[in-house]
Amino acid sequence: MTEARRVKSGKWRIYSGPESDVVRDPQNGAVAYFTSLDEARRWWQRLQPDDPPLKEAIKCAWCGAYFGRKMSYTTYAGRYYHPQHIPQARNS
């Protein structure tokens, strides 16, 4: 599974594989960064034309943190949350 994540600098990075390894530019070996999700999607589509379109990784609707492979999450009103961040948990 391949997904894009926005890093603290505001740029986007692509992660791929079962361990969510960061994707590197095959031409120079550098970590590939992008200024927008659309730019990342276009680059990935050129690199891997047979792959499905690149998606943004699932993140918490309250804090904005992305979920890791083994991190638990729940849904509420169609959005993803850490268990302690769902609206009922914050209001109690």
N, C-alpha and C. Protein backbone atom coordinates (compact mmCIF):
# COMPACT_ATOMS: atom_id res chain seq x y z
N MET A 1 0.84 -1.18 0.00
CA MET A 1 0.00 0.00 0.00
C MET A 1 0.89 1.25 0.00
N THR A 2 0.54 2.17 -0.81
CA THR A 2 1.29 3.42 -0.93
C THR A 2 0.39 4.57 -0.53
N GLU A 3 0.94 5.51 0.25
CA GLU A 3 0.15 6.65 0.72
C GLU A 3 1.03 7.88 0.86
N ALA A 4 0.39 9.03 0.84
CA ALA A 4 1.10 10.30 0.99
C ALA A 4 0.78 10.89 2.36
N ARG A 5 1.79 11.54 2.94
CA ARG A 5 1.61 12.21 4.23
C ARG A 5 2.21 13.60 4.15
N ARG A 6 1.57 14.52 4.82
CA ARG A 6 2.10 15.89 4.91
C ARG A 6 3.00 15.95 6.13
N VAL A 7 4.23 16.39 5.95
CA VAL A 7 5.18 16.48 7.05
C VAL A 7 5.13 17.88 7.66
N LYS A 8 5.82 18.07 8.79
CA LYS A 8 5.75 19.33 9.53
C LYS A 8 6.15 20.55 8.70
N SER A 9 7.02 20.37 7.73
CA SER A 9 7.45 21.49 6.89
C SER A 9 6.35 21.96 5.94
N GLY A 10 5.27 21.17 5.84
CA GLY A 10 4.19 21.51 4.93
C GLY A 10 4.31 20.80 3.60
N LYS A 11 5.43 20.15 3.38
CA LYS A 11 5.61 19.40 2.13
C LYS A 11 5.03 18.00 2.28
N TRP A 12 4.93 17.31 1.16
CA TRP A 12 4.36 15.97 1.13
C TRP A 12 5.45 14.95 0.86
N ARG A 13 5.29 13.77 1.44
CA ARG A 13 6.21 12.66 1.25
C ARG A 13 5.38 11.42 0.94
N ILE A 14 5.94 10.50 0.16
CA ILE A 14 5.24 9.26 -0.18
C ILE A 14 5.89 8.11 0.59
N TYR A 15 5.03 7.25 1.14
CA TYR A 15 5.47 6.06 1.87
C TYR A 15 4.89 4.85 1.17
N SER A 16 5.69 3.77 1.10
CA SER A 16 5.25 2.59 0.37
C SER A 16 5.72 1.31 1.05
N GLY A 17 5.01 0.24 0.78
CA GLY A 17 5.40 -1.07 1.26
C GLY A 17 4.83 -1.42 2.62
N PRO A 18 5.03 -2.66 3.04
CA PRO A 18 4.45 -3.11 4.31
C PRO A 18 5.01 -2.38 5.54
N GLU A 19 6.20 -1.83 5.44
CA GLU A 19 6.81 -1.10 6.56
C GLU A 19 6.68 0.41 6.39
N SER A 20 5.92 0.85 5.41
CA SER A 20 5.76 2.29 5.12
C SER A 20 7.10 2.99 4.96
N ASP A 21 7.93 2.43 4.10
CA ASP A 21 9.24 3.03 3.83
C ASP A 21 9.07 4.29 3.00
N VAL A 22 9.90 5.29 3.30
CA VAL A 22 9.84 6.53 2.54
C VAL A 22 10.32 6.25 1.11
N VAL A 23 9.65 6.85 0.14
CA VAL A 23 9.99 6.64 -1.27
C VAL A 23 11.10 7.61 -1.67
N ARG A 24 12.07 7.09 -2.38
CA ARG A 24 13.20 7.89 -2.85
C ARG A 24 13.11 8.06 -4.37
N ASP A 25 13.63 9.17 -4.84
CA ASP A 25 13.68 9.44 -6.27
C ASP A 25 14.67 8.46 -6.89
N PRO A 26 14.25 7.64 -7.85
CA PRO A 26 15.16 6.65 -8.43
C PRO A 26 16.33 7.27 -9.20
N GLN A 27 16.20 8.53 -9.61
CA GLN A 27 17.28 9.17 -10.38
C GLN A 27 18.45 9.59 -9.50
N ASN A 28 18.16 10.05 -8.28
CA ASN A 28 19.26 10.55 -7.45
C ASN A 28 19.31 9.95 -6.04
N GLY A 29 18.34 9.13 -5.68
CA GLY A 29 18.34 8.47 -4.38
C GLY A 29 17.88 9.34 -3.23
N ALA A 30 17.52 10.59 -3.50
CA ALA A 30 17.07 11.50 -2.44
C ALA A 30 15.61 11.21 -2.08
N VAL A 31 15.24 11.52 -0.85
CA VAL A 31 13.85 11.40 -0.43
C VAL A 31 13.02 12.36 -1.28
N ALA A 32 11.94 11.85 -1.83
CA ALA A 32 11.08 12.66 -2.70
C ALA A 32 10.13 13.50 -1.86
N TYR A 33 10.18 14.83 -2.02
CA TYR A 33 9.28 15.78 -1.36
C TYR A 33 8.48 16.50 -2.43
N PHE A 34 7.25 16.91 -2.06
CA PHE A 34 6.38 17.58 -3.01
C PHE A 34 5.67 18.74 -2.33
N THR A 35 5.34 19.77 -3.09
CA THR A 35 4.68 20.94 -2.51
C THR A 35 3.18 20.75 -2.36
N SER A 36 2.62 19.74 -3.03
CA SER A 36 1.18 19.49 -2.91
C SER A 36 0.91 18.00 -3.08
N LEU A 37 -0.25 17.59 -2.62
CA LEU A 37 -0.68 16.21 -2.79
C LEU A 37 -0.86 15.90 -4.27
N ASP A 38 -1.38 16.85 -5.03
CA ASP A 38 -1.56 16.64 -6.48
C ASP A 38 -0.22 16.42 -7.18
N GLU A 39 0.79 17.19 -6.79
CA GLU A 39 2.12 17.01 -7.37
C GLU A 39 2.67 15.62 -7.05
N ALA A 40 2.47 15.17 -5.82
CA ALA A 40 2.92 13.83 -5.42
C ALA A 40 2.18 12.77 -6.22
N ARG A 41 0.89 12.97 -6.40
CA ARG A 41 0.11 12.00 -7.18
C ARG A 41 0.60 11.93 -8.62
N ARG A 42 0.85 13.05 -9.25
CA ARG A 42 1.33 13.05 -10.65
C ARG A 42 2.68 12.34 -10.75
N TRP A 43 3.60 12.64 -9.83
CA TRP A 43 4.94 12.03 -9.85
C TRP A 43 4.82 10.52 -9.68
N TRP A 44 4.00 10.09 -8.72
CA TRP A 44 3.85 8.65 -8.47
C TRP A 44 3.22 7.95 -9.67
N GLN A 45 2.25 8.59 -10.31
CA GLN A 45 1.60 7.99 -11.48
C GLN A 45 2.58 7.82 -12.63
N ARG A 46 3.49 8.78 -12.80
CA ARG A 46 4.51 8.63 -13.84
C ARG A 46 5.49 7.51 -13.49
N LEU A 47 5.83 7.39 -12.21
CA LEU A 47 6.79 6.38 -11.76
C LEU A 47 6.18 4.98 -11.75
N GLN A 48 4.93 4.88 -11.32
CA GLN A 48 4.23 3.59 -11.20
C GLN A 48 2.88 3.66 -11.91
N PRO A 49 2.86 3.65 -13.25
CA PRO A 49 1.61 3.86 -13.98
C PRO A 49 0.55 2.79 -13.74
N ASP A 50 0.94 1.59 -13.31
CA ASP A 50 -0.03 0.52 -13.10
C ASP A 50 -0.63 0.52 -11.69
N ASP A 51 -0.09 1.33 -10.79
CA ASP A 51 -0.61 1.41 -9.42
C ASP A 51 -1.89 2.23 -9.37
N PRO A 52 -2.74 1.97 -8.36
CA PRO A 52 -3.92 2.82 -8.19
C PRO A 52 -3.51 4.23 -7.79
N PRO A 53 -4.40 5.20 -7.92
CA PRO A 53 -4.06 6.58 -7.55
C PRO A 53 -3.59 6.68 -6.09
N LEU A 54 -2.63 7.53 -5.87
CA LEU A 54 -2.06 7.75 -4.54
C LEU A 54 -3.10 8.42 -3.64
N LYS A 55 -3.24 7.90 -2.41
CA LYS A 55 -4.18 8.47 -1.44
C LYS A 55 -3.42 9.11 -0.29
N GLU A 56 -4.08 10.04 0.38
CA GLU A 56 -3.51 10.58 1.61
C GLU A 56 -3.73 9.54 2.71
N ALA A 57 -2.75 9.39 3.58
CA ALA A 57 -2.86 8.46 4.70
C ALA A 57 -4.00 8.89 5.62
N ILE A 58 -4.56 7.94 6.34
CA ILE A 58 -5.65 8.23 7.28
C ILE A 58 -5.08 8.99 8.47
N LYS A 59 -5.76 10.07 8.86
CA LYS A 59 -5.30 10.85 10.01
C LYS A 59 -6.46 11.20 10.92
N CYS A 60 -6.14 11.53 12.15
CA CYS A 60 -7.13 11.87 13.17
C CYS A 60 -7.79 13.20 12.83
N ALA A 61 -9.11 13.23 12.86
CA ALA A 61 -9.85 14.46 12.55
C ALA A 61 -9.68 15.52 13.62
N TRP A 62 -9.29 15.14 14.83
CA TRP A 62 -9.13 16.12 15.91
C TRP A 62 -7.72 16.67 15.98
N CYS A 63 -6.71 15.79 16.00
CA CYS A 63 -5.33 16.28 16.19
C CYS A 63 -4.52 16.35 14.90
N GLY A 64 -4.98 15.68 13.84
CA GLY A 64 -4.29 15.73 12.56
C GLY A 64 -3.12 14.77 12.42
N ALA A 65 -2.86 13.95 13.45
CA ALA A 65 -1.75 12.99 13.37
C ALA A 65 -2.16 11.81 12.49
N TYR A 66 -1.21 11.31 11.72
CA TYR A 66 -1.46 10.15 10.89
C TYR A 66 -1.40 8.89 11.74
N PHE A 67 -2.16 7.88 11.34
CA PHE A 67 -2.16 6.61 12.05
C PHE A 67 -1.08 5.71 11.48
N GLY A 68 -0.30 5.11 12.36
CA GLY A 68 0.69 4.13 11.94
C GLY A 68 0.02 2.81 11.62
N ARG A 69 0.78 1.89 11.10
CA ARG A 69 0.23 0.59 10.71
C ARG A 69 -0.45 -0.14 11.86
N LYS A 70 0.11 -0.08 13.05
CA LYS A 70 -0.43 -0.86 14.18
C LYS A 70 -1.20 0.00 15.17
N MET A 71 -1.44 1.25 14.84
CA MET A 71 -2.13 2.16 15.74
C MET A 71 -3.64 1.96 15.62
N SER A 72 -4.32 1.93 16.75
CA SER A 72 -5.77 1.75 16.71
C SER A 72 -6.46 3.10 16.47
N TYR A 73 -7.60 3.02 15.80
CA TYR A 73 -8.41 4.21 15.56
C TYR A 73 -9.86 3.80 15.52
N THR A 74 -10.72 4.76 15.62
CA THR A 74 -12.15 4.51 15.56
C THR A 74 -12.77 5.55 14.63
N THR A 75 -13.99 5.29 14.20
CA THR A 75 -14.67 6.26 13.35
C THR A 75 -15.88 6.82 14.10
N TYR A 76 -16.16 8.06 13.83
CA TYR A 76 -17.32 8.73 14.41
C TYR A 76 -17.80 9.72 13.37
N ALA A 77 -19.07 9.61 13.01
CA ALA A 77 -19.67 10.49 12.00
C ALA A 77 -18.86 10.50 10.70
N GLY A 78 -18.34 9.33 10.34
CA GLY A 78 -17.62 9.19 9.07
C GLY A 78 -16.19 9.70 9.07
N ARG A 79 -15.65 10.07 10.24
CA ARG A 79 -14.28 10.58 10.33
C ARG A 79 -13.47 9.68 11.25
N TYR A 80 -12.16 9.67 11.08
CA TYR A 80 -11.26 8.83 11.87
C TYR A 80 -10.74 9.60 13.08
N TYR A 81 -10.64 8.90 14.23
CA TYR A 81 -10.15 9.50 15.46
C TYR A 81 -9.30 8.50 16.24
N HIS A 82 -8.36 9.04 17.04
CA HIS A 82 -7.75 8.22 18.08
C HIS A 82 -8.87 7.94 19.09
N PRO A 83 -8.87 6.78 19.76
CA PRO A 83 -9.97 6.48 20.69
C PRO A 83 -10.21 7.59 21.73
N GLN A 84 -9.16 8.23 22.22
CA GLN A 84 -9.32 9.28 23.23
C GLN A 84 -9.73 10.62 22.62
N HIS A 85 -9.78 10.73 21.30
CA HIS A 85 -10.11 12.00 20.66
C HIS A 85 -11.52 12.07 20.10
N ILE A 86 -12.28 10.98 20.15
CA ILE A 86 -13.65 11.07 19.63
C ILE A 86 -14.43 12.07 20.46
N PRO A 87 -15.38 12.78 19.88
CA PRO A 87 -16.07 13.84 20.60
C PRO A 87 -16.64 13.42 21.96
N GLN A 88 -17.22 12.22 22.07
CA GLN A 88 -17.77 11.79 23.35
C GLN A 88 -16.67 11.67 24.41
N ALA A 89 -15.51 11.17 24.03
CA ALA A 89 -14.41 11.00 25.00
C ALA A 89 -13.88 12.35 25.47
N ARG A 90 -13.84 13.35 24.59
CA ARG A 90 -13.34 14.67 24.97
C ARG A 90 -14.33 15.42 25.85
N ASN A 91 -15.62 15.13 25.70
CA ASN A 91 -16.65 15.85 26.46
C ASN A 91 -16.96 15.24 27.81
N SER A 92 -16.40 14.08 28.12
CA SER A 92 -16.74 13.44 29.40
C SER A 92 -15.75 13.77 30.48
